[in-house]
PDB file of all heavy atoms in Angstrom:
ATOM      1  N   ARG A   1     -16.969   9.948   6.910  1.00  0.00           N
ATOM      2  CA  ARG A   1     -17.092  10.468   8.245  1.00  0.00           C
ATOM      3  C   ARG A   1     -17.793   9.445   9.170  1.00  0.00           C
ATOM      4  O   ARG A   1     -17.376   9.281  10.336  1.00  0.00           O
ATOM      5  CB  ARG A   1     -17.832  11.799   8.265  1.00  0.00           C
ATOM      6  CG  ARG A   1     -16.968  12.928   7.632  1.00  0.00           C
ATOM      7  CD  ARG A   1     -17.670  14.273   7.664  1.00  0.00           C
ATOM      8  NE  ARG A   1     -18.717  14.306   6.634  1.00  0.00           N
ATOM      9  CZ  ARG A   1     -19.846  14.946   6.760  1.00  0.00           C
ATOM     10  NH1 ARG A   1     -20.175  15.613   7.858  1.00  0.00           N
ATOM     11  NH2 ARG A   1     -20.706  14.984   5.752  1.00  0.00           N
ATOM     12  N   ALA A   2     -18.805   8.737   8.664  1.00  0.00           N
ATOM     13  CA  ALA A   2     -19.473   7.719   9.466  1.00  0.00           C
ATOM     14  C   ALA A   2     -18.483   6.579   9.758  1.00  0.00           C
ATOM     15  O   ALA A   2     -18.434   6.099  10.890  1.00  0.00           O
ATOM     16  CB  ALA A   2     -20.690   7.226   8.714  1.00  0.00           C
ATOM     17  N   LEU A   3     -17.730   6.189   8.784  1.00  0.00           N
ATOM     18  CA  LEU A   3     -16.701   5.112   9.012  1.00  0.00           C
ATOM     19  C   LEU A   3     -15.749   5.552  10.092  1.00  0.00           C
ATOM     20  O   LEU A   3     -15.404   4.763  10.995  1.00  0.00           O
ATOM     21  CB  LEU A   3     -15.951   4.832   7.710  1.00  0.00           C
ATOM     22  CG  LEU A   3     -14.772   3.858   7.860  1.00  0.00           C
ATOM     23  CD1 LEU A   3     -15.218   2.492   8.295  1.00  0.00           C
ATOM     24  CD2 LEU A   3     -13.984   3.783   6.556  1.00  0.00           C
ATOM     25  N   TRP A   4     -15.254   6.772  10.003  1.00  0.00           N
ATOM     26  CA  TRP A   4     -14.288   7.242  11.020  1.00  0.00           C
ATOM     27  C   TRP A   4     -14.864   7.192  12.465  1.00  0.00           C
ATOM     28  O   TRP A   4     -14.219   6.809  13.384  1.00  0.00           O
ATOM     29  CB  TRP A   4     -13.790   8.638  10.687  1.00  0.00           C
ATOM     30  CG  TRP A   4     -13.064   8.749   9.391  1.00  0.00           C
ATOM     31  CD1 TRP A   4     -12.454   7.739   8.701  1.00  0.00           C
ATOM     32  CD2 TRP A   4     -12.795   9.892   8.616  1.00  0.00           C
ATOM     33  NE1 TRP A   4     -11.893   8.216   7.556  1.00  0.00           N
ATOM     34  CE2 TRP A   4     -12.080   9.546   7.459  1.00  0.00           C
ATOM     35  CE3 TRP A   4     -13.180  11.259   8.806  1.00  0.00           C
ATOM     36  CZ2 TRP A   4     -11.672  10.477   6.523  1.00  0.00           C
ATOM     37  CZ3 TRP A   4     -12.757  12.183   7.833  1.00  0.00           C
ATOM     38  CH2 TRP A   4     -12.014  11.761   6.705  1.00  0.00           C
ATOM     39  N   LEU A   5     -16.122   7.605  12.562  1.00  0.00           N
ATOM     40  CA  LEU A   5     -16.748   7.618  13.881  1.00  0.00           C
ATOM     41  C   LEU A   5     -17.007   6.168  14.332  1.00  0.00           C
ATOM     42  O   LEU A   5     -16.804   5.877  15.518  1.00  0.00           O
ATOM     43  CB  LEU A   5     -18.110   8.395  13.861  1.00  0.00           C
ATOM     44  CG  LEU A   5     -18.768   8.560  15.183  1.00  0.00           C
ATOM     45  CD1 LEU A   5     -17.848   9.179  16.259  1.00  0.00           C
ATOM     46  CD2 LEU A   5     -20.051   9.379  15.021  1.00  0.00           C
ATOM     47  N   LEU A   6     -17.416   5.292  13.425  1.00  0.00           N
ATOM     48  CA  LEU A   6     -17.589   3.887  13.818  1.00  0.00           C
ATOM     49  C   LEU A   6     -16.289   3.275  14.287  1.00  0.00           C
ATOM     50  O   LEU A   6     -16.211   2.477  15.244  1.00  0.00           O
ATOM     51  CB  LEU A   6     -18.210   3.074  12.668  1.00  0.00           C
ATOM     52  CG  LEU A   6     -19.632   3.463  12.304  1.00  0.00           C
ATOM     53  CD1 LEU A   6     -20.047   2.662  11.096  1.00  0.00           C
ATOM     54  CD2 LEU A   6     -20.553   3.164  13.485  1.00  0.00           C
ATOM     55  N   LEU A   7     -15.182   3.550  13.566  1.00  0.00           N
ATOM     56  CA  LEU A   7     -13.864   3.068  13.957  1.00  0.00           C
ATOM     57  C   LEU A   7     -13.525   3.590  15.347  1.00  0.00           C
ATOM     58  O   LEU A   7     -12.946   2.865  16.173  1.00  0.00           O
ATOM     59  CB  LEU A   7     -12.811   3.470  12.963  1.00  0.00           C
ATOM     60  CG  LEU A   7     -12.810   2.671  11.648  1.00  0.00           C
ATOM     61  CD1 LEU A   7     -11.927   3.377  10.613  1.00  0.00           C
ATOM     62  CD2 LEU A   7     -12.362   1.253  11.885  1.00  0.00           C
ATOM     63  N   TRP A   8     -13.798   4.833  15.646  1.00  0.00           N
ATOM     64  CA  TRP A   8     -13.547   5.471  16.952  1.00  0.00           C
ATOM     65  C   TRP A   8     -14.323   4.791  18.042  1.00  0.00           C
ATOM     66  O   TRP A   8     -13.804   4.506  19.100  1.00  0.00           O
ATOM     67  CB  TRP A   8     -13.861   6.935  16.857  1.00  0.00           C
ATOM     68  CG  TRP A   8     -13.619   7.725  18.116  1.00  0.00           C
ATOM     69  CD1 TRP A   8     -14.488   7.887  19.143  1.00  0.00           C
ATOM     70  CD2 TRP A   8     -12.398   8.383  18.485  1.00  0.00           C
ATOM     71  NE1 TRP A   8     -13.928   8.670  20.102  1.00  0.00           N
ATOM     72  CE2 TRP A   8     -12.649   8.971  19.756  1.00  0.00           C
ATOM     73  CE3 TRP A   8     -11.179   8.544  17.888  1.00  0.00           C
ATOM     74  CZ2 TRP A   8     -11.696   9.707  20.408  1.00  0.00           C
ATOM     75  CZ3 TRP A   8     -10.244   9.324  18.527  1.00  0.00           C
ATOM     76  CH2 TRP A   8     -10.475   9.846  19.784  1.00  0.00           C
ATOM     77  N   GLU A   9     -15.642   4.508  17.778  1.00  0.00           N
ATOM     78  CA  GLU A   9     -16.518   4.046  18.828  1.00  0.00           C
ATOM     79  C   GLU A   9     -16.597   2.529  19.000  1.00  0.00           C
ATOM     80  O   GLU A   9     -16.765   2.063  20.107  1.00  0.00           O
ATOM     81  CB  GLU A   9     -17.934   4.486  18.525  1.00  0.00           C
ATOM     82  CG  GLU A   9     -18.135   5.963  18.650  1.00  0.00           C
ATOM     83  CD  GLU A   9     -19.595   6.359  18.430  1.00  0.00           C
ATOM     84  OE1 GLU A   9     -20.439   5.526  18.129  1.00  0.00           O
ATOM     85  OE2 GLU A   9     -19.862   7.578  18.571  1.00  0.00           O
ATOM     86  N   CYS A  10     -16.502   1.789  17.926  1.00  0.00           N
ATOM     87  CA  CYS A  10     -16.719   0.317  17.975  1.00  0.00           C
ATOM     88  C   CYS A  10     -15.405  -0.466  18.090  1.00  0.00           C
ATOM     89  O   CYS A  10     -14.373   0.055  17.893  1.00  0.00           O
ATOM     90  CB  CYS A  10     -17.450  -0.138  16.703  1.00  0.00           C
ATOM     91  SG  CYS A  10     -19.073   0.610  16.480  1.00  0.00           S
ATOM     92  N   GLU A  11     -15.579  -1.728  18.368  1.00  0.00           N
ATOM     93  CA  GLU A  11     -14.445  -2.618  18.440  1.00  0.00           C
ATOM     94  C   GLU A  11     -14.301  -3.435  17.118  1.00  0.00           C
ATOM     95  O   GLU A  11     -13.708  -4.463  17.102  1.00  0.00           O
ATOM     96  CB  GLU A  11     -14.603  -3.599  19.644  1.00  0.00           C
ATOM     97  CG  GLU A  11     -14.455  -2.955  20.971  1.00  0.00           C
ATOM     98  CD  GLU A  11     -13.055  -2.449  21.246  1.00  0.00           C
ATOM     99  OE1 GLU A  11     -12.070  -3.049  20.763  1.00  0.00           O
ATOM    100  OE2 GLU A  11     -12.922  -1.403  21.927  1.00  0.00           O
ATOM    101  N   LEU A  12     -14.900  -2.895  16.076  1.00  0.00           N
ATOM    102  CA  LEU A  12     -14.906  -3.591  14.763  1.00  0.00           C
ATOM    103  C   LEU A  12     -13.770  -3.104  13.919  1.00  0.00           C
ATOM    104  O   LEU A  12     -13.378  -1.943  13.962  1.00  0.00           O
ATOM    105  CB  LEU A  12     -16.237  -3.407  14.080  1.00  0.00           C
ATOM    106  CG  LEU A  12     -17.442  -3.932  14.864  1.00  0.00           C
ATOM    107  CD1 LEU A  12     -18.727  -3.531  14.198  1.00  0.00           C
ATOM    108  CD2 LEU A  12     -17.360  -5.462  14.955  1.00  0.00           C
ATOM    109  N   LYS A  13     -13.210  -4.007  13.099  1.00  0.00           N
ATOM    110  CA  LYS A  13     -12.122  -3.695  12.221  1.00  0.00           C
ATOM    111  C   LYS A  13     -12.601  -2.974  10.946  1.00  0.00           C
ATOM    112  O   LYS A  13     -13.807  -3.074  10.586  1.00  0.00           O
ATOM    113  CB  LYS A  13     -11.410  -4.978  11.835  1.00  0.00           C
ATOM    114  CG  LYS A  13     -10.777  -5.662  13.019  1.00  0.00           C
ATOM    115  CD  LYS A  13     -10.192  -6.960  12.635  1.00  0.00           C
ATOM    116  CE  LYS A  13      -9.637  -7.669  13.852  1.00  0.00           C
ATOM    117  NZ  LYS A  13      -9.159  -8.998  13.574  1.00  0.00           N
ATOM    118  N   VAL A  14     -11.700  -2.319  10.260  1.00  0.00           N
ATOM    119  CA  VAL A  14     -12.061  -1.551   9.051  1.00  0.00           C
ATOM    120  C   VAL A  14     -12.781  -2.425   8.047  1.00  0.00           C
ATOM    121  O   VAL A  14     -13.853  -2.079   7.548  1.00  0.00           O
ATOM    122  CB  VAL A  14     -10.815  -0.919   8.391  1.00  0.00           C
ATOM    123  CG1 VAL A  14     -11.200  -0.180   7.121  1.00  0.00           C
ATOM    124  CG2 VAL A  14     -10.060  -0.012   9.326  1.00  0.00           C
ATOM    125  N   LEU A  15     -12.193  -3.591   7.715  1.00  0.00           N
ATOM    126  CA  LEU A  15     -12.818  -4.455   6.691  1.00  0.00           C
ATOM    127  C   LEU A  15     -14.194  -4.944   7.120  1.00  0.00           C
ATOM    128  O   LEU A  15     -15.099  -5.103   6.285  1.00  0.00           O
ATOM    129  CB  LEU A  15     -11.897  -5.606   6.345  1.00  0.00           C
ATOM    130  CG  LEU A  15     -10.655  -5.178   5.566  1.00  0.00           C
ATOM    131  CD1 LEU A  15      -9.699  -6.344   5.305  1.00  0.00           C
ATOM    132  CD2 LEU A  15     -10.944  -4.461   4.269  1.00  0.00           C
ATOM    133  N   ASP A  16     -14.363  -5.192   8.441  1.00  0.00           N
ATOM    134  CA  ASP A  16     -15.711  -5.593   8.910  1.00  0.00           C
ATOM    135  C   ASP A  16     -16.733  -4.455   8.698  1.00  0.00           C
ATOM    136  O   ASP A  16     -17.815  -4.679   8.258  1.00  0.00           O
ATOM    137  CB  ASP A  16     -15.656  -5.976  10.400  1.00  0.00           C
ATOM    138  CG  ASP A  16     -15.013  -7.332  10.629  1.00  0.00           C
ATOM    139  OD1 ASP A  16     -14.929  -8.117   9.703  1.00  0.00           O
ATOM    140  OD2 ASP A  16     -14.560  -7.550  11.790  1.00  0.00           O
ATOM    141  N   LEU A  17     -16.307  -3.253   9.017  1.00  0.00           N
ATOM    142  CA  LEU A  17     -17.210  -2.116   8.824  1.00  0.00           C
ATOM    143  C   LEU A  17     -17.527  -1.902   7.372  1.00  0.00           C
ATOM    144  O   LEU A  17     -18.677  -1.581   7.016  1.00  0.00           O
ATOM    145  CB  LEU A  17     -16.613  -0.841   9.457  1.00  0.00           C
ATOM    146  CG  LEU A  17     -16.547  -0.880  10.978  1.00  0.00           C
ATOM    147  CD1 LEU A  17     -15.723   0.274  11.519  1.00  0.00           C
ATOM    148  CD2 LEU A  17     -17.945  -0.868  11.586  1.00  0.00           C
ATOM    149  N   LEU A  18     -16.538  -2.053   6.485  1.00  0.00           N
ATOM    150  CA  LEU A  18     -16.767  -1.859   5.051  1.00  0.00           C
ATOM    151  C   LEU A  18     -17.720  -2.907   4.465  1.00  0.00           C
ATOM    152  O   LEU A  18     -18.346  -2.669   3.506  1.00  0.00           O
ATOM    153  CB  LEU A  18     -15.445  -1.875   4.324  1.00  0.00           C
ATOM    154  CG  LEU A  18     -14.505  -0.707   4.553  1.00  0.00           C
ATOM    155  CD1 LEU A  18     -13.214  -0.869   3.802  1.00  0.00           C
ATOM    156  CD2 LEU A  18     -15.154   0.615   4.214  1.00  0.00           C
ATOM    157  N   SER A  19     -17.819  -4.059   5.160  1.00  0.00           N
ATOM    158  CA  SER A  19     -18.709  -5.136   4.641  1.00  0.00           C
ATOM    159  C   SER A  19     -20.144  -4.990   5.159  1.00  0.00           C
ATOM    160  O   SER A  19     -21.042  -5.762   4.779  1.00  0.00           O
ATOM    161  CB  SER A  19     -18.163  -6.488   5.020  1.00  0.00           C
ATOM    162  OG  SER A  19     -18.308  -6.741   6.414  1.00  0.00           O
ATOM    163  N   LEU A  20     -20.429  -4.032   6.037  1.00  0.00           N
ATOM    164  CA  LEU A  20     -21.757  -3.925   6.606  1.00  0.00           C
ATOM    165  C   LEU A  20     -22.808  -3.565   5.591  1.00  0.00           C
ATOM    166  O   LEU A  20     -22.574  -2.749   4.690  1.00  0.00           O
ATOM    167  CB  LEU A  20     -21.779  -2.848   7.711  1.00  0.00           C
ATOM    168  CG  LEU A  20     -21.030  -3.183   8.992  1.00  0.00           C
ATOM    169  CD1 LEU A  20     -21.031  -1.969   9.923  1.00  0.00           C
ATOM    170  CD2 LEU A  20     -21.641  -4.387   9.671  1.00  0.00           C
ATOM    171  N   GLU A  21     -23.956  -4.164   5.768  1.00  0.00           N
ATOM    172  CA  GLU A  21     -25.160  -3.881   4.974  1.00  0.00           C
ATOM    173  C   GLU A  21     -26.093  -3.057   5.885  1.00  0.00           C
ATOM    174  O   GLU A  21     -25.953  -3.090   7.105  1.00  0.00           O
ATOM    175  CB  GLU A  21     -25.858  -5.166   4.553  1.00  0.00           C
ATOM    176  CG  GLU A  21     -25.013  -6.050   3.623  1.00  0.00           C
ATOM    177  CD  GLU A  21     -24.901  -5.494   2.217  1.00  0.00           C
ATOM    178  OE1 GLU A  21     -25.914  -4.965   1.710  1.00  0.00           O
ATOM    179  OE2 GLU A  21     -23.807  -5.575   1.640  1.00  0.00           O
ATOM    180  N   THR A  22     -27.078  -2.396   5.265  1.00  0.00           N
ATOM    181  CA  THR A  22     -27.984  -1.574   6.068  1.00  0.00           C
ATOM    182  C   THR A  22     -28.701  -2.408   7.115  1.00  0.00           C
ATOM    183  O   THR A  22     -28.949  -1.932   8.231  1.00  0.00           O
ATOM    184  CB  THR A  22     -29.048  -0.858   5.179  1.00  0.00           C
ATOM    185  OG1 THR A  22     -29.747  -1.850   4.421  1.00  0.00           O
ATOM    186  CG2 THR A  22     -28.411   0.172   4.265  1.00  0.00           C
ATOM    187  N   GLY A  23     -29.014  -3.657   6.840  1.00  0.00           N
ATOM    188  CA  GLY A  23     -29.718  -4.552   7.784  1.00  0.00           C
ATOM    189  C   GLY A  23     -28.825  -4.991   8.945  1.00  0.00           C
ATOM    190  O   GLY A  23     -29.375  -5.593   9.890  1.00  0.00           O
ATOM    191  N   ASP A  24     -27.544  -4.726   8.921  1.00  0.00           N
ATOM    192  CA  ASP A  24     -26.612  -5.132   9.964  1.00  0.00           C
ATOM    193  C   ASP A  24     -26.603  -4.129  11.155  1.00  0.00           C
ATOM    194  O   ASP A  24     -25.909  -4.345  12.129  1.00  0.00           O
ATOM    195  CB  ASP A  24     -25.187  -5.301   9.473  1.00  0.00           C
ATOM    196  CG  ASP A  24     -25.046  -6.399   8.490  1.00  0.00           C
ATOM    197  OD1 ASP A  24     -25.759  -7.419   8.571  1.00  0.00           O
ATOM    198  OD2 ASP A  24     -24.181  -6.289   7.558  1.00  0.00           O
ATOM    199  N   VAL A  25     -27.373  -3.049  11.004  1.00  0.00           N
ATOM    200  CA  VAL A  25     -27.375  -1.985  12.014  1.00  0.00           C
ATOM    201  C   VAL A  25     -28.810  -1.800  12.512  1.00  0.00           C
ATOM    202  O   VAL A  25     -29.760  -1.707  11.737  1.00  0.00           O
ATOM    203  CB  VAL A  25     -26.837  -0.663  11.418  1.00  0.00           C
ATOM    204  CG1 VAL A  25     -26.917   0.458  12.402  1.00  0.00           C
ATOM    205  CG2 VAL A  25     -25.401  -0.869  10.915  1.00  0.00           C
ATOM    206  N   ASP A  26     -28.948  -1.741  13.793  1.00  0.00           N
ATOM    207  CA  ASP A  26     -30.199  -1.464  14.452  1.00  0.00           C
ATOM    208  C   ASP A  26     -30.126  -0.036  15.016  1.00  0.00           C
ATOM    209  O   ASP A  26     -29.554   0.141  16.109  1.00  0.00           O
ATOM    210  CB  ASP A  26     -30.471  -2.508  15.604  1.00  0.00           C
ATOM    211  CG  ASP A  26     -31.731  -2.182  16.412  1.00  0.00           C
ATOM    212  OD1 ASP A  26     -32.445  -1.240  16.068  1.00  0.00           O
ATOM    213  OD2 ASP A  26     -31.911  -2.899  17.412  1.00  0.00           O
ATOM    214  N   LEU A  27     -30.621   0.915  14.280  1.00  0.00           N
ATOM    215  CA  LEU A  27     -30.482   2.308  14.688  1.00  0.00           C
ATOM    216  C   LEU A  27     -31.297   2.589  15.956  1.00  0.00           C
ATOM    217  O   LEU A  27     -30.826   3.285  16.855  1.00  0.00           O
ATOM    218  CB  LEU A  27     -30.946   3.256  13.550  1.00  0.00           C
ATOM    219  CG  LEU A  27     -30.061   3.273  12.284  1.00  0.00           C
ATOM    220  CD1 LEU A  27     -30.654   4.215  11.259  1.00  0.00           C
ATOM    221  CD2 LEU A  27     -28.647   3.596  12.617  1.00  0.00           C
ATOM    222  N   ALA A  28     -32.487   1.975  16.093  1.00  0.00           N
ATOM    223  CA  ALA A  28     -33.310   2.190  17.278  1.00  0.00           C
ATOM    224  C   ALA A  28     -32.616   1.577  18.501  1.00  0.00           C
ATOM    225  O   ALA A  28     -32.638   2.154  19.588  1.00  0.00           O
ATOM    226  CB  ALA A  28     -34.688   1.567  17.105  1.00  0.00           C
ATOM    227  N   GLY A  29     -31.954   0.468  18.336  1.00  0.00           N
ATOM    228  CA  GLY A  29     -31.219  -0.178  19.420  1.00  0.00           C
ATOM    229  C   GLY A  29     -29.806   0.324  19.600  1.00  0.00           C
ATOM    230  O   GLY A  29     -29.125  -0.069  20.530  1.00  0.00           O
ATOM    231  N   ARG A  30     -29.416   1.251  18.730  1.00  0.00           N
ATOM    232  CA  ARG A  30     -28.096   1.891  18.761  1.00  0.00           C
ATOM    233  C   ARG A  30     -26.920   0.913  18.785  1.00  0.00           C
ATOM    234  O   ARG A  30     -26.031   1.030  19.595  1.00  0.00           O
ATOM    235  CB  ARG A  30     -27.996   2.862  19.978  1.00  0.00           C
ATOM    236  CG  ARG A  30     -28.984   4.038  19.807  1.00  0.00           C
ATOM    237  CD  ARG A  30     -28.957   4.927  20.999  1.00  0.00           C
ATOM    238  NE  ARG A  30     -27.625   5.286  21.430  1.00  0.00           N
ATOM    239  CZ  ARG A  30     -27.361   6.313  22.184  1.00  0.00           C
ATOM    240  NH1 ARG A  30     -28.303   7.073  22.645  1.00  0.00           N
ATOM    241  NH2 ARG A  30     -26.122   6.570  22.521  1.00  0.00           N
ATOM    242  N   ARG A  31     -26.981  -0.062  17.806  1.00  0.00           N
ATOM    243  CA  ARG A  31     -25.874  -0.966  17.742  1.00  0.00           C
ATOM    244  C   ARG A  31     -25.732  -1.641  16.393  1.00  0.00           C
ATOM    245  O   ARG A  31     -26.707  -1.711  15.637  1.00  0.00           O
ATOM    246  CB  ARG A  31     -25.952  -2.032  18.837  1.00  0.00           C
ATOM    247  CG  ARG A  31     -27.183  -2.887  18.790  1.00  0.00           C
ATOM    248  CD  ARG A  31     -27.250  -3.860  19.974  1.00  0.00           C
ATOM    249  NE  ARG A  31     -26.149  -4.779  19.981  1.00  0.00           N
ATOM    250  CZ  ARG A  31     -26.234  -6.044  19.452  1.00  0.00           C
ATOM    251  NH1 ARG A  31     -27.314  -6.470  18.950  1.00  0.00           N
ATOM    252  NH2 ARG A  31     -25.173  -6.819  19.520  1.00  0.00           N
ATOM    253  N   VAL A  32     -24.519  -2.124  16.126  1.00  0.00           N
ATOM    254  CA  VAL A  32     -24.249  -2.980  14.968  1.00  0.00           C
ATOM    255  C   VAL A  32     -24.592  -4.386  15.457  1.00  0.00           C
ATOM    256  O   VAL A  32     -24.069  -4.822  16.487  1.00  0.00           O
ATOM    257  CB  VAL A  32     -22.771  -2.877  14.533  1.00  0.00           C
ATOM    258  CG1 VAL A  32     -22.495  -3.864  13.408  1.00  0.00           C
ATOM    259  CG2 VAL A  32     -22.423  -1.472  14.122  1.00  0.00           C
ATOM    260  N   THR A  33     -25.477  -5.075  14.760  1.00  0.00           N
ATOM    261  CA  THR A  33     -25.910  -6.373  15.206  1.00  0.00           C
ATOM    262  C   THR A  33     -25.197  -7.556  14.625  1.00  0.00           C
ATOM    263  O   THR A  33     -25.101  -8.605  15.229  1.00  0.00           O
ATOM    264  CB  THR A  33     -27.445  -6.555  14.947  1.00  0.00           C
ATOM    265  OG1 THR A  33     -27.662  -6.374  13.549  1.00  0.00           O
ATOM    266  CG2 THR A  33     -28.262  -5.526  15.739  1.00  0.00           C
ATOM    267  N   GLY A  34     -24.666  -7.370  13.416  1.00  0.00           N
ATOM    268  CA  GLY A  34     -23.954  -8.461  12.754  1.00  0.00           C
ATOM    269  C   GLY A  34     -22.999  -7.999  11.690  1.00  0.00           C
ATOM    270  O   GLY A  34     -23.138  -6.847  11.213  1.00  0.00           O
ATOM    271  N   VAL A  35     -22.033  -8.821  11.410  1.00  0.00           N
ATOM    272  CA  VAL A  35     -21.056  -8.502  10.370  1.00  0.00           C
ATOM    273  C   VAL A  35     -20.592  -9.804   9.746  1.00  0.00           C
ATOM    274  O   VAL A  35     -20.305 -10.763  10.446  1.00  0.00           O
ATOM    275  CB  VAL A  35     -19.881  -7.677  10.902  1.00  0.00           C
ATOM    276  CG1 VAL A  35     -19.082  -8.397  11.927  1.00  0.00           C
ATOM    277  CG2 VAL A  35     -18.979  -7.210   9.796  1.00  0.00           C
ATOM    278  N   SER A  36     -20.659  -9.867   8.434  1.00  0.00           N
ATOM    279  CA  SER A  36     -20.186 -11.050   7.713  1.00  0.00           C
ATOM    280  C   SER A  36     -20.797 -12.356   8.216  1.00  0.00           C
ATOM    281  O   SER A  36     -20.162 -13.379   8.343  1.00  0.00           O
ATOM    282  CB  SER A  36     -18.642 -11.151   7.726  1.00  0.00           C
ATOM    283  OG  SER A  36     -18.072 -10.018   7.125  1.00  0.00           O
ATOM    284  N   GLY A  37     -22.097 -12.274   8.546  1.00  0.00           N
ATOM    285  CA  GLY A  37     -22.815 -13.491   8.967  1.00  0.00           C
ATOM    286  C   GLY A  37     -22.648 -13.891  10.417  1.00  0.00           C
ATOM    287  O   GLY A  37     -23.192 -14.920  10.848  1.00  0.00           O
TER     288      GLY A  37
END
């Protein structure tokens, strides 16, 4: 469900989202900060 919402909201591709680590997301800043380096 989180993946589906991220796909809906973000401009990131499925494989990029699947590669995310917990440190790639800034919950307080409400954004994905990095993907695959």
